[in-house]
N, C-alpha and C. Protein backbone atom coordinates (compact mmCIF):
# COMPACT_ATOMS: atom_id res chain seq x y z
N UNK A 1 1.19 18.77 38.75
CA UNK A 1 1.75 20.38 39.41
C UNK A 1 1.68 19.29 41.28
N UNK A 2 2.87 19.58 41.66
CA UNK A 2 3.39 19.42 43.44
C UNK A 2 2.89 20.69 44.11
N UNK A 3 2.60 20.32 45.22
CA UNK A 3 1.63 20.68 46.66
C UNK A 3 3.20 20.89 47.42
N UNK A 4 2.96 21.99 48.45
CA UNK A 4 3.70 22.32 49.41
C UNK A 4 2.89 23.12 50.29
N UNK A 5 3.21 22.57 51.51
CA UNK A 5 2.54 23.69 52.69
C UNK A 5 2.85 24.27 53.48
N UNK A 6 2.97 25.38 53.98
CA UNK A 6 3.67 25.87 55.05
C UNK A 6 3.11 26.51 55.77
N UNK A 7 3.64 26.58 57.06
CA UNK A 7 3.14 27.20 58.61
C UNK A 7 3.41 28.13 58.44
N UNK A 8 2.87 29.23 58.47
CA UNK A 8 3.04 30.82 58.34
C UNK A 8 2.56 31.61 59.94
N UNK A 9 1.55 31.03 60.47
CA UNK A 9 1.40 30.91 61.50
C UNK A 9 1.18 29.83 62.98
N UNK A 10 0.58 30.23 64.27
CA UNK A 10 0.82 29.26 64.59
C UNK A 10 -0.68 28.31 64.53
N UNK A 11 -0.42 27.08 63.95
CA UNK A 11 -1.34 26.05 63.64
C UNK A 11 -2.31 26.71 62.42
N UNK A 12 -1.74 27.50 61.58
CA UNK A 12 -2.42 28.52 60.55
C UNK A 12 -1.44 28.00 59.36
N UNK A 13 -1.96 27.33 58.04
CA UNK A 13 -1.39 26.70 57.19
C UNK A 13 -1.66 27.04 56.22
N UNK A 14 -0.91 27.46 54.74
CA UNK A 14 -1.48 27.71 53.26
C UNK A 14 -1.10 26.94 52.52
N UNK A 15 -2.03 26.23 51.81
CA UNK A 15 -1.25 25.48 50.41
C UNK A 15 -0.55 26.36 49.40
N UNK A 16 0.48 25.87 49.14
CA UNK A 16 1.22 26.88 48.16
C UNK A 16 1.05 25.73 46.70
N UNK A 17 0.81 25.87 45.34
CA UNK A 17 1.12 25.31 43.81
C UNK A 17 1.90 26.23 43.21
N UNK A 18 2.76 25.75 43.06
CA UNK A 18 4.00 25.86 41.94
C UNK A 18 3.67 26.57 40.81
N UNK A 19 3.45 27.75 40.27
CA UNK A 19 3.18 28.18 38.97
C UNK A 19 4.10 29.34 38.45
N UNK A 20 4.37 29.26 37.48
CA UNK A 20 4.66 30.40 36.78
C UNK A 20 4.54 32.08 37.37
N UNK A 21 3.62 32.25 37.40
CA UNK A 21 3.00 33.14 37.49
C UNK A 21 1.34 33.48 37.55
N UNK A 22 0.45 33.90 38.57
CA UNK A 22 1.63 33.97 40.00
C UNK A 22 1.36 32.79 40.68
N UNK A 23 2.10 32.73 41.98
CA UNK A 23 1.79 31.70 42.94
C UNK A 23 0.58 31.64 43.27
N UNK A 24 0.18 30.38 43.29
CA UNK A 24 -1.47 30.47 43.94
C UNK A 24 -1.07 29.51 45.10
N UNK A 25 -2.19 30.46 46.02
CA UNK A 25 -1.87 30.30 47.77
C UNK A 25 -2.93 30.53 47.91
N UNK A 26 -3.52 29.15 48.37
CA UNK A 26 -4.74 28.53 48.85
C UNK A 26 -4.88 28.25 50.69
N UNK A 27 -5.32 29.21 51.27
CA UNK A 27 -5.66 29.01 52.57
C UNK A 27 -6.24 27.71 53.15
N UNK A 28 -5.47 26.75 53.91
CA UNK A 28 -6.26 25.78 54.43
C UNK A 28 -6.92 25.58 55.50
N UNK A 29 -7.62 24.23 55.99
CA UNK A 29 -7.96 24.34 57.60
C UNK A 29 -6.63 23.97 58.48
N UNK A 30 -7.15 24.35 59.35
CA UNK A 30 -6.37 24.34 60.65
C UNK A 30 -5.77 22.56 60.94
N UNK A 31 -4.76 22.33 60.74
CA UNK A 31 -3.96 20.71 61.14
C UNK A 31 -2.56 20.49 61.37
N UNK A 32 -2.39 19.47 61.94
CA UNK A 32 -0.55 19.40 62.68
C UNK A 32 -0.04 18.16 61.03
N UNK A 33 0.32 18.53 60.95
CA UNK A 33 1.02 17.22 59.50
C UNK A 33 2.11 16.50 60.83
N UNK A 34 2.14 15.48 59.62
CA UNK A 34 3.01 14.61 60.38
C UNK A 34 3.42 13.41 59.37
N UNK A 35 4.83 13.21 59.22
CA UNK A 35 5.64 12.94 58.74
C UNK A 35 5.36 12.84 57.37
N UNK A 36 5.19 14.07 56.40
CA UNK A 36 4.95 14.07 54.74
C UNK A 36 6.24 13.44 54.41
N UNK A 37 5.52 13.11 52.57
CA UNK A 37 6.55 12.93 51.97
C UNK A 37 7.77 14.20 51.85
N UNK A 38 9.45 13.76 51.07
CA UNK A 38 10.28 14.45 51.16
C UNK A 38 9.96 15.75 50.18
N UNK A 39 9.22 15.65 49.30
CA UNK A 39 8.80 16.96 48.84
C UNK A 39 8.07 17.75 49.41
N UNK A 40 7.81 17.56 50.28
CA UNK A 40 6.50 18.39 50.99
C UNK A 40 7.83 19.37 51.77
N UNK A 41 7.71 20.30 52.31
CA UNK A 41 8.48 21.29 52.57
C UNK A 41 7.58 21.84 53.54
N UNK A 42 8.10 22.18 55.45
CA UNK A 42 7.31 22.62 56.40
C UNK A 42 8.09 23.74 56.52
N UNK A 43 7.95 25.27 57.22
CA UNK A 43 8.53 26.06 57.60
C UNK A 43 7.58 27.04 58.57
N UNK A 44 8.05 27.52 59.21
CA UNK A 44 7.25 28.11 60.48
C UNK A 44 8.10 29.62 60.12
N UNK A 45 7.47 30.63 59.88
CA UNK A 45 7.84 31.87 59.27
C UNK A 45 7.73 32.99 60.85
N UNK A 46 8.80 33.32 61.47
CA UNK A 46 8.89 33.73 62.42
C UNK A 46 8.09 35.73 62.27
N UNK A 47 7.88 36.38 61.58
CA UNK A 47 7.54 37.25 61.27
C UNK A 47 6.63 37.23 59.60
N UNK A 48 5.07 37.81 60.00
CA UNK A 48 4.19 37.84 59.16
C UNK A 48 4.86 38.99 58.18
N UNK A 49 5.51 39.61 58.64
CA UNK A 49 5.82 40.24 57.38
C UNK A 49 6.71 39.85 56.14
N UNK A 50 7.28 38.51 56.26
CA UNK A 50 7.98 38.01 55.13
C UNK A 50 7.79 36.71 54.62
N UNK A 51 6.56 36.57 54.88
CA UNK A 51 5.71 35.12 54.89
C UNK A 51 5.51 34.53 53.33
N UNK A 52 4.95 35.88 52.65
CA UNK A 52 4.89 36.04 50.96
C UNK A 52 6.27 35.73 50.25
N UNK A 53 7.29 36.42 50.90
CA UNK A 53 8.88 35.87 49.85
C UNK A 53 9.29 34.76 50.33
N UNK A 54 8.98 34.30 51.67
CA UNK A 54 9.43 32.93 51.79
C UNK A 54 8.48 31.61 50.95
N UNK A 55 6.84 31.59 50.72
CA UNK A 55 6.44 31.16 50.10
C UNK A 55 6.76 31.67 48.20
N UNK A 56 7.27 32.32 48.17
CA UNK A 56 7.58 32.58 46.67
C UNK A 56 8.89 31.56 46.48
N UNK A 57 9.77 32.05 47.33
CA UNK A 57 11.24 30.96 47.16
C UNK A 57 11.00 30.03 47.39
N UNK A 58 10.20 29.47 48.34
CA UNK A 58 9.84 28.39 48.63
C UNK A 58 9.25 26.96 47.59
N UNK A 59 8.26 27.84 46.63
CA UNK A 59 7.86 27.65 45.69
C UNK A 59 8.57 27.00 44.37
N UNK A 60 9.28 28.33 44.02
CA UNK A 60 10.56 27.52 43.15
C UNK A 60 11.52 26.49 43.85
N UNK A 61 12.03 26.41 44.49
CA UNK A 61 12.47 25.13 45.37
C UNK A 61 11.60 24.12 45.27
N UNK A 62 10.24 24.44 45.14
CA UNK A 62 9.42 22.73 44.84
C UNK A 62 9.98 22.80 43.51
N UNK A 63 9.97 23.36 42.68
CA UNK A 63 9.68 23.17 41.04
C UNK A 63 10.99 22.19 41.13
N UNK A 64 11.70 22.17 41.42
CA UNK A 64 13.17 21.56 41.13
C UNK A 64 13.34 20.36 42.18
N UNK A 65 12.36 20.45 42.97
CA UNK A 65 12.52 18.98 43.88
C UNK A 65 12.01 17.77 43.44
N UNK A 66 12.69 16.59 43.79
CA UNK A 66 12.59 15.06 43.37
C UNK A 66 11.44 14.62 43.68
N UNK A 67 10.32 13.97 42.45
CA UNK A 67 9.45 13.84 42.44
C UNK A 67 9.65 12.03 42.18
N UNK A 68 9.30 11.67 43.24
CA UNK A 68 9.50 10.06 43.79
C UNK A 68 8.49 8.98 43.03
N UNK A 69 7.22 9.96 42.57
CA UNK A 69 6.51 9.11 41.82
C UNK A 69 6.83 8.49 40.40
N UNK A 70 8.07 9.82 39.98
CA UNK A 70 8.64 9.66 38.49
C UNK A 70 9.97 8.60 38.96
N UNK A 71 10.49 9.20 40.06
CA UNK A 71 11.94 8.20 39.94
C UNK A 71 12.14 6.99 40.91
N UNK A 72 11.20 6.25 41.51
CA UNK A 72 10.85 4.93 42.25
C UNK A 72 9.17 5.44 42.24
N UNK A 73 8.80 4.36 41.26
CA UNK A 73 7.39 3.95 41.71
C UNK A 73 7.25 2.87 42.75
N UNK A 74 7.90 2.11 43.14
CA UNK A 74 7.59 1.48 44.29
C UNK A 74 7.38 2.02 45.23
N UNK A 75 8.80 2.52 45.52
CA UNK A 75 9.03 3.58 46.73
C UNK A 75 7.50 4.30 46.85
N UNK A 76 7.19 5.10 45.90
CA UNK A 76 5.93 5.82 46.00
C UNK A 76 4.52 5.31 45.99
N UNK A 77 4.79 4.58 45.92
CA UNK A 77 3.62 3.21 46.20
C UNK A 77 3.41 2.83 47.83
N UNK A 78 5.00 2.48 47.96
CA UNK A 78 4.88 1.93 49.55
C UNK A 78 4.50 3.28 50.63
N UNK A 79 4.97 4.58 49.93
CA UNK A 79 5.07 5.52 50.65
C UNK A 79 3.22 6.14 50.87
N UNK A 80 2.64 5.94 49.75
CA UNK A 80 1.10 6.85 49.63
C UNK A 80 0.64 5.48 50.75
N UNK A 81 1.21 4.45 50.51
CA UNK A 81 0.00 3.51 51.03
C UNK A 81 0.09 3.36 52.95
N UNK A 82 1.76 4.06 52.98
CA UNK A 82 1.83 4.45 54.59
C UNK A 82 0.79 5.34 54.78
N UNK A 83 0.69 6.35 53.81
CA UNK A 83 -0.13 7.68 54.17
C UNK A 83 -1.59 7.50 54.03
N UNK A 84 -2.15 6.18 53.41
CA UNK A 84 -3.45 5.98 53.71
C UNK A 84 -3.66 5.09 54.80
N UNK A 85 -2.69 4.10 55.23
CA UNK A 85 -2.99 3.55 56.59
C UNK A 85 -2.94 4.18 58.01
N UNK A 86 -2.20 5.40 57.97
CA UNK A 86 -1.94 6.44 59.00
C UNK A 86 -2.84 7.41 58.82
N UNK A 87 -4.05 7.71 57.84
CA UNK A 87 -5.01 8.74 57.09
C UNK A 87 -4.20 9.77 57.45
N UNK A 88 -3.23 10.18 56.91
CA UNK A 88 -1.98 11.48 56.60
C UNK A 88 -2.42 11.83 55.26
N UNK A 89 -3.65 12.50 55.03
CA UNK A 89 -4.33 13.29 54.04
C UNK A 89 -3.24 14.04 53.41
N UNK A 90 -2.20 15.00 54.60
CA UNK A 90 -1.71 15.73 53.52
C UNK A 90 -0.19 15.10 52.80
N UNK A 91 -0.14 13.69 53.60
CA UNK A 91 1.39 13.22 52.32
C UNK A 91 0.90 12.61 51.33
N UNK A 92 -0.28 12.70 51.22
CA UNK A 92 -1.05 11.88 49.81
C UNK A 92 -0.72 12.79 48.45
N UNK A 93 -0.34 11.74 47.69
CA UNK A 93 0.02 12.19 45.92
C UNK A 93 -1.56 12.36 45.40
N UNK A 94 -1.91 13.40 45.60
CA UNK A 94 -3.52 13.17 45.25
C UNK A 94 -3.28 12.94 43.43
N UNK A 95 -2.75 13.77 42.99
CA UNK A 95 -2.98 14.01 41.43
C UNK A 95 -2.52 12.44 40.62
N UNK A 96 -1.23 12.19 41.16
CA UNK A 96 -1.23 10.73 40.85
C UNK A 96 -1.60 9.85 41.71
N UNK A 97 -2.19 9.71 42.49
CA UNK A 97 -3.60 8.39 42.99
C UNK A 97 -4.33 8.24 41.89
N UNK A 98 -5.03 9.65 41.60
CA UNK A 98 -6.09 9.55 41.21
C UNK A 98 -6.14 9.01 39.60
N UNK A 99 -4.63 9.30 38.69
CA UNK A 99 -4.13 8.74 38.07
C UNK A 99 -4.37 7.23 37.49
N UNK A 100 -3.01 6.99 38.45
CA UNK A 100 -3.17 5.49 39.19
C UNK A 100 -4.30 4.77 38.98
N UNK A 101 -5.68 5.44 39.99
CA UNK A 101 -6.80 4.37 39.80
C UNK A 101 -7.48 4.08 38.44
N UNK A 102 -7.66 5.30 38.27
CA UNK A 102 -8.55 5.29 36.69
C UNK A 102 -7.31 4.79 35.40
N UNK A 103 -5.88 4.51 35.80
CA UNK A 103 -5.56 3.48 35.10
C UNK A 103 -5.55 2.12 35.13
N UNK A 104 -5.86 1.73 36.64
CA UNK A 104 -6.33 0.21 37.01
C UNK A 104 -7.85 -0.12 36.38
N UNK A 105 -8.49 0.96 36.44
CA UNK A 105 -9.58 1.04 35.90
C UNK A 105 -9.74 0.58 34.13
N UNK A 106 -8.95 1.31 33.82
CA UNK A 106 -9.13 1.17 32.08
C UNK A 106 -8.54 -0.07 31.78
N UNK A 107 -6.95 -0.48 32.53
CA UNK A 107 -6.61 -1.99 32.27
C UNK A 107 -7.20 -2.97 32.44
N UNK A 108 -8.54 -3.13 33.51
CA UNK A 108 -9.23 -4.38 33.47
C UNK A 108 -10.23 -4.43 32.59
N UNK A 109 -10.46 -2.97 31.74
CA UNK A 109 -11.47 -3.43 30.75
C UNK A 109 -10.61 -3.73 29.76
N UNK A 110 -9.76 -3.26 29.24
CA UNK A 110 -8.95 -3.23 28.01
C UNK A 110 -8.73 -5.27 28.68
N UNK A 111 -8.34 -5.71 29.59
CA UNK A 111 -7.90 -7.47 29.77
C UNK A 111 -9.66 -7.92 29.03
N UNK A 112 -9.99 -7.52 30.05
CA UNK A 112 -11.82 -8.58 29.49
C UNK A 112 -11.85 -8.60 27.81
N UNK A 113 -11.50 -6.89 27.34
CA UNK A 113 -11.58 -7.03 25.91
C UNK A 113 -10.64 -7.70 25.46
N UNK A 114 -9.66 -8.10 25.77
CA UNK A 114 -8.78 -8.48 24.93
C UNK A 114 -8.99 -9.94 25.15
N UNK A 115 -9.02 -10.49 26.36
CA UNK A 115 -9.90 -12.14 26.12
C UNK A 115 -10.75 -12.46 25.76
N UNK A 116 -11.79 -11.08 25.82
CA UNK A 116 -13.00 -12.03 25.29
C UNK A 116 -12.99 -12.16 22.98
N UNK A 117 -12.00 -11.91 23.24
CA UNK A 117 -11.21 -11.80 21.47
C UNK A 117 -11.02 -12.84 21.12
N UNK A 118 -9.90 -12.97 22.58
CA UNK A 118 -9.00 -14.24 22.42
C UNK A 118 -9.81 -15.58 22.26
N UNK A 119 -10.68 -15.86 23.09
CA UNK A 119 -11.81 -16.61 23.55
C UNK A 119 -12.73 -17.19 22.19
N UNK A 120 -13.39 -15.87 21.80
CA UNK A 120 -14.16 -15.92 20.76
C UNK A 120 -13.75 -16.47 19.48
N UNK A 121 -12.27 -16.52 18.81
CA UNK A 121 -11.42 -16.08 17.87
C UNK A 121 -11.56 -17.85 18.11
N UNK A 122 -11.17 -19.03 19.17
CA UNK A 122 -10.71 -20.06 19.24
C UNK A 122 -11.76 -20.52 19.17
N UNK A 123 -13.12 -20.28 19.48
CA UNK A 123 -14.05 -20.64 19.64
C UNK A 123 -14.84 -21.29 18.10
N UNK A 124 -14.38 -19.77 17.79
CA UNK A 124 -14.92 -19.72 15.47
C UNK A 124 -13.82 -20.73 15.23
N UNK A 125 -12.50 -20.80 15.29
CA UNK A 125 -11.73 -22.18 14.98
C UNK A 125 -12.31 -23.29 14.93
N UNK A 126 -12.95 -23.69 16.57
CA UNK A 126 -13.14 -24.62 17.00
C UNK A 126 -14.71 -25.13 16.19
N UNK A 127 -15.24 -24.41 15.92
CA UNK A 127 -16.37 -24.57 15.70
C UNK A 127 -16.52 -24.38 13.82
N UNK A 128 -15.53 -24.39 13.51
CA UNK A 128 -15.60 -23.87 11.93
C UNK A 128 -14.45 -24.60 11.04
N UNK A 129 -13.14 -25.02 12.14
CA UNK A 129 -12.37 -25.73 11.45
C UNK A 129 -12.28 -27.07 12.35
N UNK A 130 -13.37 -28.13 12.01
CA UNK A 130 -13.57 -29.26 12.91
C UNK A 130 -12.26 -29.95 12.86
N UNK A 131 -12.24 -30.86 11.39
CA UNK A 131 -10.96 -31.17 11.18
C UNK A 131 -9.18 -30.97 11.73
N UNK A 132 -8.87 -30.25 12.06
CA UNK A 132 -7.92 -29.13 12.74
C UNK A 132 -8.36 -28.76 13.88
N UNK A 133 -9.04 -29.46 14.88
CA UNK A 133 -8.94 -29.00 16.63
C UNK A 133 -7.83 -29.67 17.04
N UNK A 134 -7.46 -29.07 17.50
CA UNK A 134 -6.36 -29.60 18.65
C UNK A 134 -6.70 -29.31 19.97
N UNK A 135 -5.41 -30.10 20.89
CA UNK A 135 -5.47 -29.79 22.21
C UNK A 135 -5.06 -28.25 22.61
N UNK A 136 -4.45 -28.19 21.73
CA UNK A 136 -4.16 -26.23 21.99
C UNK A 136 -5.21 -25.47 22.03
N UNK A 137 -5.99 -25.65 20.97
CA UNK A 137 -7.05 -24.89 20.60
C UNK A 137 -7.75 -25.14 22.04
N UNK A 138 -8.27 -26.21 22.43
CA UNK A 138 -8.84 -26.61 23.86
C UNK A 138 -8.66 -25.70 24.99
N UNK A 139 -6.60 -25.91 25.14
CA UNK A 139 -6.38 -25.31 26.82
C UNK A 139 -6.46 -24.14 26.34
N UNK A 140 -6.12 -22.95 25.49
CA UNK A 140 -6.62 -21.95 25.45
C UNK A 140 -8.09 -21.44 25.81
N UNK A 141 -9.00 -21.93 25.30
CA UNK A 141 -9.83 -21.80 25.34
C UNK A 141 -10.38 -21.86 26.68
N UNK A 142 -10.09 -23.06 27.74
CA UNK A 142 -10.48 -23.14 29.37
C UNK A 142 -9.73 -22.11 29.59
N UNK A 143 -8.57 -21.84 29.60
CA UNK A 143 -7.62 -20.74 29.91
C UNK A 143 -8.01 -19.29 30.19
N UNK A 144 -8.66 -18.77 28.76
CA UNK A 144 -9.47 -17.89 28.81
C UNK A 144 -10.70 -17.57 30.01
N UNK A 145 -11.60 -18.70 29.66
CA UNK A 145 -12.44 -19.02 30.81
C UNK A 145 -12.27 -18.61 31.64
N UNK A 146 -11.41 -18.68 32.19
CA UNK A 146 -10.45 -19.41 33.70
C UNK A 146 -10.16 -17.78 34.01
N UNK A 147 -9.74 -17.33 33.67
CA UNK A 147 -9.21 -15.89 33.19
C UNK A 147 -9.95 -14.88 33.71
N UNK A 148 -11.22 -14.81 32.63
CA UNK A 148 -12.31 -14.05 32.87
C UNK A 148 -13.25 -14.56 34.22
N UNK A 149 -13.13 -15.63 34.33
CA UNK A 149 -13.72 -15.93 35.94
C UNK A 149 -13.26 -15.15 36.81
N UNK A 150 -12.05 -15.47 36.68
CA UNK A 150 -10.65 -14.65 37.98
C UNK A 150 -11.02 -12.88 37.76
N UNK A 151 -11.61 -12.66 36.65
CA UNK A 151 -11.67 -10.83 36.52
C UNK A 151 -12.71 -10.83 36.86
N UNK A 152 -13.97 -11.21 36.69
CA UNK A 152 -15.53 -10.98 37.02
C UNK A 152 -15.55 -11.37 38.59
N UNK A 153 -14.98 -12.16 39.63
CA UNK A 153 -14.54 -12.39 40.67
C UNK A 153 -13.80 -11.20 41.37
N UNK A 154 -12.75 -10.58 41.04
CA UNK A 154 -12.18 -9.59 41.31
C UNK A 154 -13.07 -8.19 40.71
N UNK A 155 -13.49 -8.19 40.10
CA UNK A 155 -14.48 -6.82 39.39
C UNK A 155 -15.89 -7.37 39.16
N UNK A 156 -16.47 -7.40 39.60
CA UNK A 156 -18.24 -8.14 39.45
C UNK A 156 -18.54 -7.03 38.44
N UNK A 157 -18.14 -5.48 38.81
CA UNK A 157 -19.25 -4.72 37.76
C UNK A 157 -18.46 -4.89 36.41
N UNK A 158 -17.90 -5.35 35.97
CA UNK A 158 -17.59 -5.64 34.78
C UNK A 158 -18.10 -6.77 33.54
N UNK A 159 -18.50 -7.53 34.52
CA UNK A 159 -19.88 -8.63 33.88
C UNK A 159 -20.82 -8.09 32.96
N UNK A 160 -21.56 -6.61 34.37
CA UNK A 160 -22.82 -6.53 32.89
C UNK A 160 -21.98 -5.53 31.57
N UNK A 161 -20.90 -5.17 31.46
CA UNK A 161 -20.91 -4.72 30.23
C UNK A 161 -19.97 -5.51 29.06
N UNK A 162 -20.49 -6.77 29.40
CA UNK A 162 -20.20 -7.65 28.51
C UNK A 162 -21.40 -7.76 27.01
N UNK A 163 -22.38 -7.48 27.09
CA UNK A 163 -23.76 -7.51 26.23
C UNK A 163 -23.37 -5.98 25.26
N UNK A 164 -22.82 -5.02 25.76
CA UNK A 164 -22.36 -3.98 25.21
C UNK A 164 -20.56 -4.47 24.23
N UNK A 165 -20.11 -4.93 24.91
CA UNK A 165 -18.42 -5.57 24.21
C UNK A 165 -18.46 -6.27 23.81
N UNK A 166 -19.98 -7.25 23.67
CA UNK A 166 -19.50 -8.65 22.47
C UNK A 166 -19.65 -8.21 20.90
N UNK A 167 -20.30 -7.44 20.57
CA UNK A 167 -20.35 -6.97 18.96
C UNK A 167 -19.56 -6.87 18.74
N UNK A 168 -18.32 -5.88 19.13
CA UNK A 168 -17.05 -5.60 18.54
C UNK A 168 -16.03 -6.88 18.78
N UNK A 169 -16.09 -7.43 20.14
CA UNK A 169 -15.37 -8.28 20.23
C UNK A 169 -15.71 -9.28 19.27
N UNK A 170 -16.36 -9.27 18.29
CA UNK A 170 -17.04 -11.04 17.81
C UNK A 170 -16.47 -10.25 15.94
N UNK A 171 -16.25 -9.11 15.89
CA UNK A 171 -16.36 -8.73 14.77
C UNK A 171 -14.23 -8.62 14.58
N UNK A 172 -14.03 -8.53 15.76
CA UNK A 172 -12.52 -8.57 15.91
C UNK A 172 -12.20 -9.64 15.60
N UNK A 173 -12.75 -10.42 16.55
CA UNK A 173 -12.32 -12.23 16.57
C UNK A 173 -12.54 -13.03 15.69
N UNK A 174 -13.60 -12.20 14.65
CA UNK A 174 -14.36 -13.16 13.15
C UNK A 174 -13.16 -12.68 11.59
N UNK A 175 -12.48 -11.31 12.15
CA UNK A 175 -11.48 -10.75 11.05
C UNK A 175 -10.16 -11.84 11.75
N UNK A 176 -9.40 -11.54 13.06
CA UNK A 176 -8.24 -12.69 13.25
C UNK A 176 -8.37 -14.07 12.89
N UNK A 177 -9.72 -14.67 13.13
CA UNK A 177 -9.74 -15.72 12.81
C UNK A 177 -9.91 -16.33 11.47
N UNK A 178 -10.39 -15.13 10.74
CA UNK A 178 -10.43 -15.56 9.04
C UNK A 178 -9.06 -15.44 8.65
N UNK A 179 -8.16 -14.53 9.03
CA UNK A 179 -6.56 -14.18 9.01
C UNK A 179 -5.78 -15.50 9.15
N UNK A 180 -5.90 -16.21 10.42
CA UNK A 180 -5.56 -17.09 10.80
C UNK A 180 -5.82 -18.91 9.84
N UNK A 181 -6.95 -18.98 9.96
CA UNK A 181 -7.68 -19.68 9.03
C UNK A 181 -7.27 -19.83 7.74
N UNK A 182 -7.95 -18.90 6.70
CA UNK A 182 -7.64 -18.86 5.43
C UNK A 182 -8.93 -18.79 5.20
N UNK A 183 -10.09 -18.81 5.87
CA UNK A 183 -11.66 -18.61 5.69
C UNK A 183 -11.79 -17.35 5.42
N UNK A 184 -12.78 -17.57 4.55
CA UNK A 184 -13.16 -16.10 4.04
C UNK A 184 -14.67 -15.21 5.49
N UNK A 185 -13.97 -14.42 5.91
CA UNK A 185 -14.79 -13.89 7.02
C UNK A 185 -16.73 -13.33 6.92
N UNK A 186 -16.96 -13.88 5.67
CA UNK A 186 -18.04 -13.28 4.82
C UNK A 186 -18.59 -15.19 5.47
N UNK A 187 -18.21 -15.96 5.41
CA UNK A 187 -18.70 -17.83 6.43
C UNK A 187 -18.89 -17.44 7.35
N UNK A 188 -18.53 -15.96 8.12
CA UNK A 188 -19.05 -16.54 9.25
C UNK A 188 -20.15 -15.43 10.00
N UNK A 189 -21.04 -15.54 10.94
CA UNK A 189 -22.33 -14.82 10.84
C UNK A 189 -21.61 -13.37 11.47
N UNK A 190 -22.68 -12.42 11.01
CA UNK A 190 -22.52 -11.06 11.39
C UNK A 190 -22.55 -10.98 13.13
N UNK A 191 -23.25 -11.44 13.81
CA UNK A 191 -23.35 -11.17 15.64
C UNK A 191 -22.66 -12.91 15.92
N UNK A 192 -22.54 -13.12 17.16
CA UNK A 192 -22.22 -14.19 18.00
C UNK A 192 -23.20 -15.28 17.82
N UNK A 193 -22.93 -16.32 17.30
CA UNK A 193 -24.51 -17.35 17.51
C UNK A 193 -24.63 -18.15 18.80
N UNK A 194 -23.76 -17.59 19.49
CA UNK A 194 -23.52 -18.46 20.40
C UNK A 194 -24.33 -17.26 22.04
N UNK A 195 -24.79 -17.62 23.24
CA UNK A 195 -25.01 -16.51 24.00
C UNK A 195 -24.15 -16.59 24.91
N UNK A 196 -24.02 -15.80 26.02
CA UNK A 196 -22.72 -15.45 26.61
C UNK A 196 -22.32 -16.10 27.58
N UNK A 197 -23.91 -17.02 27.85
CA UNK A 197 -23.38 -18.08 29.24
C UNK A 197 -22.91 -19.21 28.57
N UNK A 198 -23.36 -19.48 27.53
CA UNK A 198 -22.40 -20.44 26.48
C UNK A 198 -21.08 -20.10 26.77
N UNK A 199 -20.90 -18.97 25.72
CA UNK A 199 -19.51 -18.58 25.44
C UNK A 199 -18.34 -18.63 27.21
N UNK A 200 -18.88 -18.47 27.87
CA UNK A 200 -18.08 -18.42 29.30
C UNK A 200 -18.49 -19.92 29.82
N UNK A 201 -19.16 -20.62 29.24
CA UNK A 201 -18.90 -21.74 30.46
C UNK A 201 -18.14 -22.69 30.19
N UNK A 202 -17.49 -23.07 31.36
CA UNK A 202 -16.44 -24.49 30.69
C UNK A 202 -16.69 -25.75 30.44
N UNK A 203 -15.94 -26.06 29.23
CA UNK A 203 -16.52 -27.06 28.97
C UNK A 203 -17.28 -27.44 27.84
N UNK A 204 -18.36 -26.27 27.48
CA UNK A 204 -19.28 -25.77 26.72
C UNK A 204 -18.08 -25.34 25.22
N UNK A 205 -18.16 -26.57 24.21
CA UNK A 205 -17.49 -26.57 22.71
C UNK A 205 -18.66 -26.68 21.74
N UNK A 206 -18.91 -25.67 20.90
CA UNK A 206 -19.64 -25.72 19.93
C UNK A 206 -18.83 -26.43 18.84
N UNK A 207 -20.12 -27.79 18.28
CA UNK A 207 -20.15 -28.59 17.33
C UNK A 207 -20.28 -28.02 16.25
């Protein structure tokens, strides 16, 4: 849902949210708008008697206004970054900003799960198929550990989630390793036999 701000009295503004029926009108605190995005429209109504009509007309216009977030994501990011740096609160696309921030958090958690599964799968293959060990396996183990280290440096709050994620990651890794190696999944223990520290430690390879 987009938002429009309309000045109806000197230094007095109303926030209008486009809706089918009725148009929601929320009075805001007094402020001075400055250089908002293109889909924010500002009007000064000469007569208090016709401001409701203007609000309704502008709300209808807003419904068909271009959505920069959907049309040009990079331009939207640059615009929002400029608004944040300039502390232009009225220029912020709040709904989409919240969505993007939450999406970033989900993306990092998903990356952690994926890299942990990949690391465990190669540790399983290294341990249970010693006769087939390759430099490629060792490189994959090293790369996943380095990537996890970088991820934890970027977001330290992810590391405490490892004890919760490890059981599921081990089950998934065991299933994938069984399919790739042809070994029976029952051969692998139900829980990870190595500590989290050993799993993440660079150069530590299970013999």
